[in-house]
């Protein structure tokens, strides 16, 4: 089993759509993929959440959600507000380990790297499972600071950053976005390994899955997403 964690520089940078694209790319290469979203917030029982969107776009059917809370807040806050127990690091790690028969397990966090998914952060979970973390970042103004803060935190914790992905590249990029494609690797020391066009989350599953492999660097995909890469 290969593990790849997906986090973002903040909320709404495209983590779920990037996770779906990773899953679709791995499936296209013949990998058996599982996707775990430990905590889903802002959704009631039975409502379609992030994993439903990943299933629709990528065709992956093996998904795992450990906790769901109705308020659209950080998972630990949302859990306390509804009186639910906080997820623990041990139970979450064990749940991910239960997918060990998959070639690739993608784990999508909530918000940014240090948002608490329960009694722990995604960084804590990555350390425990010795998993690399892929960082989804924005294209425009402000992304350099957010991205460098996150990559420095990963480095300080001894967790490998598997690459940067721009979660939504605008049809008409502004000057900051164009400059950031050069500056992001320069300030972080981490390569941009993927760029998703704006709006692809609205595509049909077939269109999305067909196009997804072209959004990532092929050498990077071969190392991280192919079953025998």
C-alpha atoms as a PDB file:
ATOM      1  CA  UNK A   1       0.000   0.000   0.000  1.00  0.00           C
ATOM      2  CA  UNK A   2       1.225   3.473  -0.915  1.00  0.00           C
ATOM      3  CA  UNK A   3      -0.061   6.418   1.089  1.00  0.00           C
ATOM      4  CA  UNK A   4      -0.462   9.990  -0.091  1.00  0.00           C
ATOM      5  CA  UNK A   5      -1.982  12.689   2.091  1.00  0.00           C
ATOM      6  CA  UNK A   6      -3.622  15.752   0.569  1.00  0.00           C
ATOM      7  CA  UNK A   7      -3.745  19.034   2.444  1.00  0.00           C
ATOM      8  CA  UNK A   8      -4.219  22.659   1.458  1.00  0.00           C
ATOM      9  CA  UNK A   9      -2.806  26.029   2.344  1.00  0.00           C
ATOM     10  CA  UNK A  10      -6.326  26.887   3.549  1.00  0.00           C
ATOM     11  CA  UNK A  11      -9.929  25.943   2.916  1.00  0.00           C
ATOM     12  CA  UNK A  12     -11.458  26.272  -0.574  1.00  0.00           C
ATOM     13  CA  UNK A  13      -8.215  25.831  -2.504  1.00  0.00           C
ATOM     14  CA  UNK A  14      -9.401  22.696  -4.307  1.00  0.00           C
ATOM     15  CA  UNK A  15      -8.304  19.753  -2.134  1.00  0.00           C
ATOM     16  CA  UNK A  16     -11.326  17.603  -2.957  1.00  0.00           C
ATOM     17  CA  UNK A  17     -11.096  18.152  -6.712  1.00  0.00           C
ATOM     18  CA  UNK A  18      -7.344  17.495  -6.630  1.00  0.00           C
ATOM     19  CA  UNK A  19      -7.936  14.308  -4.632  1.00  0.00           C
ATOM     20  CA  UNK A  20     -10.469  13.209  -7.249  1.00  0.00           C
ATOM     21  CA  UNK A  21      -7.962  13.955 -10.021  1.00  0.00           C
ATOM     22  CA  UNK A  22      -5.262  11.953  -8.245  1.00  0.00           C
ATOM     23  CA  UNK A  23      -7.665   9.038  -7.857  1.00  0.00           C
ATOM     24  CA  UNK A  24      -8.702   9.193 -11.513  1.00  0.00           C
ATOM     25  CA  UNK A  25      -5.074   9.342 -12.646  1.00  0.00           C
ATOM     26  CA  UNK A  26      -4.114   6.357 -10.520  1.00  0.00           C
ATOM     27  CA  UNK A  27      -7.122   4.374 -11.743  1.00  0.00           C
ATOM     28  CA  UNK A  28      -6.200   5.126 -15.339  1.00  0.00           C
ATOM     29  CA  UNK A  29      -2.804   3.533 -14.634  1.00  0.00           C
ATOM     30  CA  UNK A  30      -4.470   0.397 -13.290  1.00  0.00           C
ATOM     31  CA  UNK A  31      -4.168   1.091  -9.565  1.00  0.00           C
ATOM     32  CA  UNK A  32      -6.712  -0.065  -7.018  1.00  0.00           C
ATOM     33  CA  UNK A  33      -7.459   3.185  -5.143  1.00  0.00           C
ATOM     34  CA  UNK A  34      -9.085   3.893  -1.790  1.00  0.00           C
ATOM     35  CA  UNK A  35      -9.875   7.388  -0.526  1.00  0.00           C
ATOM     36  CA  UNK A  36     -10.271   8.330   3.135  1.00  0.00           C
ATOM     37  CA  UNK A  37     -11.749  11.575   4.456  1.00  0.00           C
ATOM     38  CA  UNK A  38     -11.480  11.146   8.228  1.00  0.00           C
ATOM     39  CA  UNK A  39     -13.829  13.988   9.138  1.00  0.00           C
ATOM     40  CA  UNK A  40     -16.553  15.654   7.069  1.00  0.00           C
ATOM     41  CA  UNK A  41     -18.114  18.849   8.374  1.00  0.00           C
ATOM     42  CA  UNK A  42     -21.046  20.954   7.236  1.00  0.00           C
ATOM     43  CA  UNK A  43     -23.102  17.925   6.205  1.00  0.00           C
ATOM     44  CA  UNK A  44     -25.967  16.076   7.832  1.00  0.00           C
ATOM     45  CA  UNK A  45     -26.525  12.299   7.771  1.00  0.00           C
ATOM     46  CA  UNK A  46     -27.127  10.997   4.270  1.00  0.00           C
ATOM     47  CA  UNK A  47     -26.139  14.222   2.509  1.00  0.00           C
ATOM     48  CA  UNK A  48     -23.526  13.923  -0.262  1.00  0.00           C
ATOM     49  CA  UNK A  49     -20.157  15.106   1.009  1.00  0.00           C
ATOM     50  CA  UNK A  50     -16.655  15.378  -0.407  1.00  0.00           C
ATOM     51  CA  UNK A  51     -16.308  11.631  -0.875  1.00  0.00           C
ATOM     52  CA  UNK A  52     -19.469  11.527  -2.986  1.00  0.00           C
ATOM     53  CA  UNK A  53     -17.955  14.158  -5.261  1.00  0.00           C
ATOM     54  CA  UNK A  54     -14.697  12.213  -5.477  1.00  0.00           C
ATOM     55  CA  UNK A  55     -16.643   9.076  -6.393  1.00  0.00           C
ATOM     56  CA  UNK A  56     -18.609  10.943  -9.067  1.00  0.00           C
ATOM     57  CA  UNK A  57     -15.571  12.511 -10.698  1.00  0.00           C
ATOM     58  CA  UNK A  58     -13.025   9.707 -10.413  1.00  0.00           C
ATOM     59  CA  UNK A  59     -15.074   6.519 -10.480  1.00  0.00           C
ATOM     60  CA  UNK A  60     -13.426   5.298  -7.267  1.00  0.00           C
ATOM     61  CA  UNK A  61     -15.935   3.358  -5.196  1.00  0.00           C
ATOM     62  CA  UNK A  62     -13.881   2.480  -2.128  1.00  0.00           C
ATOM     63  CA  UNK A  63     -14.153   5.425   0.230  1.00  0.00           C
ATOM     64  CA  UNK A  64     -14.023   5.797   3.977  1.00  0.00           C
ATOM     65  CA  UNK A  65     -15.450   8.527   6.212  1.00  0.00           C
ATOM     66  CA  UNK A  66     -14.969   8.155   9.961  1.00  0.00           C
ATOM     67  CA  UNK A  67     -16.960  11.077  11.365  1.00  0.00           C
ATOM     68  CA  UNK A  68     -19.489  13.642  10.171  1.00  0.00           C
ATOM     69  CA  UNK A  69     -20.598  16.828  11.887  1.00  0.00           C
ATOM     70  CA  UNK A  70     -23.357  19.236  10.810  1.00  0.00           C
ATOM     71  CA  UNK A  71     -21.668  22.587  11.476  1.00  0.00           C
ATOM     72  CA  UNK A  72     -19.270  23.916   8.779  1.00  0.00           C
ATOM     73  CA  UNK A  73     -16.378  24.362  11.207  1.00  0.00           C
ATOM     74  CA  UNK A  74     -13.060  22.756  12.017  1.00  0.00           C
ATOM     75  CA  UNK A  75     -13.808  19.106  12.877  1.00  0.00           C
ATOM     76  CA  UNK A  76     -12.807  19.321  16.532  1.00  0.00           C
ATOM     77  CA  UNK A  77     -14.979  22.407  17.079  1.00  0.00           C
ATOM     78  CA  UNK A  78     -17.858  20.883  15.134  1.00  0.00           C
ATOM     79  CA  UNK A  79     -17.612  17.676  17.175  1.00  0.00           C
ATOM     80  CA  UNK A  80     -17.731  19.530  20.479  1.00  0.00           C
ATOM     81  CA  UNK A  81     -20.719  21.603  19.356  1.00  0.00           C
ATOM     82  CA  UNK A  82     -22.806  18.516  18.636  1.00  0.00           C
ATOM     83  CA  UNK A  83     -21.558  16.519  21.615  1.00  0.00           C
ATOM     84  CA  UNK A  84     -19.745  13.925  19.521  1.00  0.00           C
ATOM     85  CA  UNK A  85     -16.491  12.302  20.642  1.00  0.00           C
ATOM     86  CA  UNK A  86     -13.333  13.578  18.989  1.00  0.00           C
ATOM     87  CA  UNK A  87     -11.595  11.291  16.547  1.00  0.00           C
ATOM     88  CA  UNK A  88      -8.395   9.861  17.969  1.00  0.00           C
ATOM     89  CA  UNK A  89      -5.094   9.446  16.207  1.00  0.00           C
ATOM     90  CA  UNK A  90      -5.011   5.713  16.926  1.00  0.00           C
ATOM     91  CA  UNK A  91      -8.476   4.927  15.527  1.00  0.00           C
ATOM     92  CA  UNK A  92      -7.880   7.034  12.414  1.00  0.00           C
ATOM     93  CA  UNK A  93      -4.530   5.404  11.707  1.00  0.00           C
ATOM     94  CA  UNK A  94      -6.105   1.968  12.193  1.00  0.00           C
ATOM     95  CA  UNK A  95      -8.909   2.803   9.761  1.00  0.00           C
ATOM     96  CA  UNK A  96      -6.399   3.853   7.102  1.00  0.00           C
ATOM     97  CA  UNK A  97      -4.392   0.674   7.735  1.00  0.00           C
ATOM     98  CA  UNK A  98      -7.577  -1.335   7.071  1.00  0.00           C
ATOM     99  CA  UNK A  99      -7.263  -0.251   3.415  1.00  0.00           C
ATOM    100  CA  UNK A 100      -3.858  -1.910   3.118  1.00  0.00           C
ATOM    101  CA  UNK A 101      -4.985  -4.151   0.262  1.00  0.00           C
ATOM    102  CA  UNK A 102      -5.340  -1.093  -2.009  1.00  0.00           C
ATOM    103  CA  UNK A 103      -2.420  -0.065  -4.204  1.00  0.00           C
ATOM    104  CA  UNK A 104      -2.868   3.588  -3.236  1.00  0.00           C
ATOM    105  CA  UNK A 105      -4.693   5.194  -0.328  1.00  0.00           C
ATOM    106  CA  UNK A 106      -5.388   8.906  -0.604  1.00  0.00           C
ATOM    107  CA  UNK A 107      -6.186  10.724   2.635  1.00  0.00           C
ATOM    108  CA  UNK A 108      -7.818  14.145   2.361  1.00  0.00           C
ATOM    109  CA  UNK A 109      -7.569  16.451   5.325  1.00  0.00           C
ATOM    110  CA  UNK A 110      -9.839  19.275   6.431  1.00  0.00           C
ATOM    111  CA  UNK A 111      -8.796  22.865   5.769  1.00  0.00           C
ATOM    112  CA  UNK A 112      -5.072  23.329   6.235  1.00  0.00           C
ATOM    113  CA  UNK A 113      -2.284  21.197   7.655  1.00  0.00           C
ATOM    114  CA  UNK A 114      -2.766  22.163  11.316  1.00  0.00           C
ATOM    115  CA  UNK A 115      -6.565  22.091  11.445  1.00  0.00           C
ATOM    116  CA  UNK A 116      -7.558  19.591  14.121  1.00  0.00           C
ATOM    117  CA  UNK A 117      -9.505  16.654  12.728  1.00  0.00           C
ATOM    118  CA  UNK A 118     -10.141  15.451  16.281  1.00  0.00           C
ATOM    119  CA  UNK A 119      -7.471  15.079  18.922  1.00  0.00           C
ATOM    120  CA  UNK A 120      -4.827  15.466  16.201  1.00  0.00           C
ATOM    121  CA  UNK A 121      -3.882  17.280  13.009  1.00  0.00           C
ATOM    122  CA  UNK A 122      -3.142  15.908   9.555  1.00  0.00           C
ATOM    123  CA  UNK A 123       0.515  16.579  10.333  1.00  0.00           C
ATOM    124  CA  UNK A 124       0.312  14.282  13.373  1.00  0.00           C
ATOM    125  CA  UNK A 125      -1.311  11.580  11.249  1.00  0.00           C
ATOM    126  CA  UNK A 126       1.302  11.887   8.508  1.00  0.00           C
ATOM    127  CA  UNK A 127       4.067  11.574  11.101  1.00  0.00           C
ATOM    128  CA  UNK A 128       2.490   8.488  12.645  1.00  0.00           C
ATOM    129  CA  UNK A 129       2.019   6.730   9.301  1.00  0.00           C
ATOM    130  CA  UNK A 130       5.239   8.052   7.734  1.00  0.00           C
ATOM    131  CA  UNK A 131       3.243   9.373   4.778  1.00  0.00           C
ATOM    132  CA  UNK A 132       4.197  12.098   2.297  1.00  0.00           C
ATOM    133  CA  UNK A 133       1.913  15.122   2.000  1.00  0.00           C
ATOM    134  CA  UNK A 134       0.846  16.765  -1.250  1.00  0.00           C
ATOM    135  CA  UNK A 135       0.074  20.446  -0.818  1.00  0.00           C
ATOM    136  CA  UNK A 136      -2.750  22.093  -2.761  1.00  0.00           C
ATOM    137  CA  UNK A 137      -2.274  25.811  -3.116  1.00  0.00           C
ATOM    138  CA  UNK A 138      -3.971  28.803  -4.688  1.00  0.00           C
ATOM    139  CA  UNK A 139      -2.682  30.560  -7.776  1.00  0.00           C
ATOM    140  CA  UNK A 140      -3.019  34.215  -6.868  1.00  0.00           C
ATOM    141  CA  UNK A 141      -1.838  36.901  -4.495  1.00  0.00           C
ATOM    142  CA  UNK A 142      -1.069  35.671  -0.956  1.00  0.00           C
ATOM    143  CA  UNK A 143      -0.232  32.121  -1.931  1.00  0.00           C
ATOM    144  CA  UNK A 144       3.538  32.515  -1.505  1.00  0.00           C
ATOM    145  CA  UNK A 145       3.268  33.185   2.222  1.00  0.00           C
ATOM    146  CA  UNK A 146       0.653  30.488   2.864  1.00  0.00           C
ATOM    147  CA  UNK A 147       2.558  27.901   0.866  1.00  0.00           C
ATOM    148  CA  UNK A 148       5.952  28.611   2.400  1.00  0.00           C
ATOM    149  CA  UNK A 149       4.500  28.525   5.919  1.00  0.00           C
ATOM    150  CA  UNK A 150       3.036  25.079   5.237  1.00  0.00           C
ATOM    151  CA  UNK A 151       6.114  23.624   3.563  1.00  0.00           C
ATOM    152  CA  UNK A 152       8.347  24.930   6.352  1.00  0.00           C
ATOM    153  CA  UNK A 153       6.062  23.276   8.918  1.00  0.00           C
ATOM    154  CA  UNK A 154       6.232  19.966   7.061  1.00  0.00           C
ATOM    155  CA  UNK A 155      10.023  20.199   6.842  1.00  0.00           C
ATOM    156  CA  UNK A 156      10.394  21.046  10.533  1.00  0.00           C
ATOM    157  CA  UNK A 157       8.264  18.019  11.430  1.00  0.00           C
ATOM    158  CA  UNK A 158      10.299  15.688   9.230  1.00  0.00           C
ATOM    159  CA  UNK A 159       7.374  15.011   6.883  1.00  0.00           C
ATOM    160  CA  UNK A 160       8.128  14.906   3.166  1.00  0.00           C
ATOM    161  CA  UNK A 161       6.218  17.277   0.923  1.00  0.00           C
ATOM    162  CA  UNK A 162       5.409  15.264  -2.209  1.00  0.00           C
ATOM    163  CA  UNK A 163       4.859  18.381  -4.317  1.00  0.00           C
ATOM    164  CA  UNK A 164       2.688  21.410  -4.906  1.00  0.00           C
ATOM    165  CA  UNK A 165      -0.526  21.400  -6.934  1.00  0.00           C
ATOM    166  CA  UNK A 166      -2.289  24.569  -8.017  1.00  0.00           C
ATOM    167  CA  UNK A 167      -5.891  23.686  -7.295  1.00  0.00           C
ATOM    168  CA  UNK A 168      -7.571  26.109  -9.697  1.00  0.00           C
ATOM    169  CA  UNK A 169      -5.736  27.816 -12.527  1.00  0.00           C
ATOM    170  CA  UNK A 170      -7.817  30.720 -13.915  1.00  0.00           C
ATOM    171  CA  UNK A 171      -8.753  30.946 -17.587  1.00  0.00           C
ATOM    172  CA  UNK A 172      -7.218  34.425 -17.641  1.00  0.00           C
ATOM    173  CA  UNK A 173      -4.430  34.466 -15.054  1.00  0.00           C
ATOM    174  CA  UNK A 174      -3.380  37.777 -13.580  1.00  0.00           C
ATOM    175  CA  UNK A 175       0.209  38.957 -13.138  1.00  0.00           C
ATOM    176  CA  UNK A 176       0.504  37.543  -9.620  1.00  0.00           C
ATOM    177  CA  UNK A 177      -0.621  34.094 -10.753  1.00  0.00           C
ATOM    178  CA  UNK A 178       1.818  34.036 -13.641  1.00  0.00           C
ATOM    179  CA  UNK A 179       4.692  35.111 -11.398  1.00  0.00           C
ATOM    180  CA  UNK A 180       3.723  32.612  -8.702  1.00  0.00           C
ATOM    181  CA  UNK A 181       4.282  29.661 -11.036  1.00  0.00           C
ATOM    182  CA  UNK A 182       7.967  30.602 -10.945  1.00  0.00           C
ATOM    183  CA  UNK A 183       8.115  31.906  -7.399  1.00  0.00           C
ATOM    184  CA  UNK A 184       6.342  29.055  -5.572  1.00  0.00           C
ATOM    185  CA  UNK A 185       9.085  26.472  -6.255  1.00  0.00           C
ATOM    186  CA  UNK A 186      11.762  29.090  -5.658  1.00  0.00           C
ATOM    187  CA  UNK A 187      10.601  30.054  -2.161  1.00  0.00           C
ATOM    188  CA  UNK A 188       9.606  26.569  -1.003  1.00  0.00           C
ATOM    189  CA  UNK A 189      12.154  24.321  -2.693  1.00  0.00           C
ATOM    190  CA  UNK A 190       9.221  22.098  -3.755  1.00  0.00           C
ATOM    191  CA  UNK A 191       8.191  21.497  -7.364  1.00  0.00           C
ATOM    192  CA  UNK A 192       4.774  22.250  -8.795  1.00  0.00           C
ATOM    193  CA  UNK A 193       3.705  18.769  -9.914  1.00  0.00           C
ATOM    194  CA  UNK A 194       0.189  19.548 -11.075  1.00  0.00           C
ATOM    195  CA  UNK A 195      -2.154  22.316 -12.144  1.00  0.00           C
ATOM    196  CA  UNK A 196      -5.916  21.922 -12.425  1.00  0.00           C
ATOM    197  CA  UNK A 197      -7.891  24.247 -14.710  1.00  0.00           C
ATOM    198  CA  UNK A 198     -10.568  26.328 -13.038  1.00  0.00           C
ATOM    199  CA  UNK A 199     -14.043  24.818 -13.083  1.00  0.00           C
ATOM    200  CA  UNK A 200     -13.180  21.170 -13.764  1.00  0.00           C
ATOM    201  CA  UNK A 201     -15.180  20.085 -10.712  1.00  0.00           C
ATOM    202  CA  UNK A 202     -18.333  20.879 -12.698  1.00  0.00           C
ATOM    203  CA  UNK A 203     -17.419  18.447 -15.470  1.00  0.00           C
ATOM    204  CA  UNK A 204     -18.983  15.025 -15.935  1.00  0.00           C
ATOM    205  CA  UNK A 205     -17.149  12.097 -14.411  1.00  0.00           C
ATOM    206  CA  UNK A 206     -16.149  10.754 -17.821  1.00  0.00           C
ATOM    207  CA  UNK A 207     -14.745  14.102 -19.002  1.00  0.00           C
ATOM    208  CA  UNK A 208     -12.918  14.632 -15.722  1.00  0.00           C
ATOM    209  CA  UNK A 209     -11.374  11.156 -15.580  1.00  0.00           C
ATOM    210  CA  UNK A 210     -10.227  11.334 -19.198  1.00  0.00           C
ATOM    211  CA  UNK A 211      -8.488  14.675 -18.683  1.00  0.00           C
ATOM    212  CA  UNK A 212      -7.087  14.216 -15.155  1.00  0.00           C
ATOM    213  CA  UNK A 213      -3.806  12.421 -16.036  1.00  0.00           C
ATOM    214  CA  UNK A 214      -2.810  15.407 -18.162  1.00  0.00           C
ATOM    215  CA  UNK A 215      -2.940  17.761 -15.180  1.00  0.00           C
ATOM    216  CA  UNK A 216       0.023  16.161 -13.409  1.00  0.00           C
ATOM    217  CA  UNK A 217       3.678  15.819 -14.291  1.00  0.00           C
ATOM    218  CA  UNK A 218       3.927  12.333 -15.836  1.00  0.00           C
ATOM    219  CA  UNK A 219       7.194  11.421 -14.118  1.00  0.00           C
ATOM    220  CA  UNK A 220       5.755  12.453 -10.759  1.00  0.00           C
ATOM    221  CA  UNK A 221       2.583  10.448 -11.427  1.00  0.00           C
ATOM    222  CA  UNK A 222       4.627   7.381 -12.333  1.00  0.00           C
ATOM    223  CA  UNK A 223       6.468   7.575  -8.991  1.00  0.00           C
ATOM    224  CA  UNK A 224       3.499   8.338  -6.755  1.00  0.00           C
ATOM    225  CA  UNK A 225       0.289   7.140  -8.381  1.00  0.00           C
ATOM    226  CA  UNK A 226       1.077   4.096 -10.504  1.00  0.00           C
ATOM    227  CA  UNK A 227       0.722   0.709  -8.784  1.00  0.00           C
ATOM    228  CA  UNK A 228       4.305  -0.241  -9.576  1.00  0.00           C
ATOM    229  CA  UNK A 229       5.730   3.237 -10.127  1.00  0.00           C
END
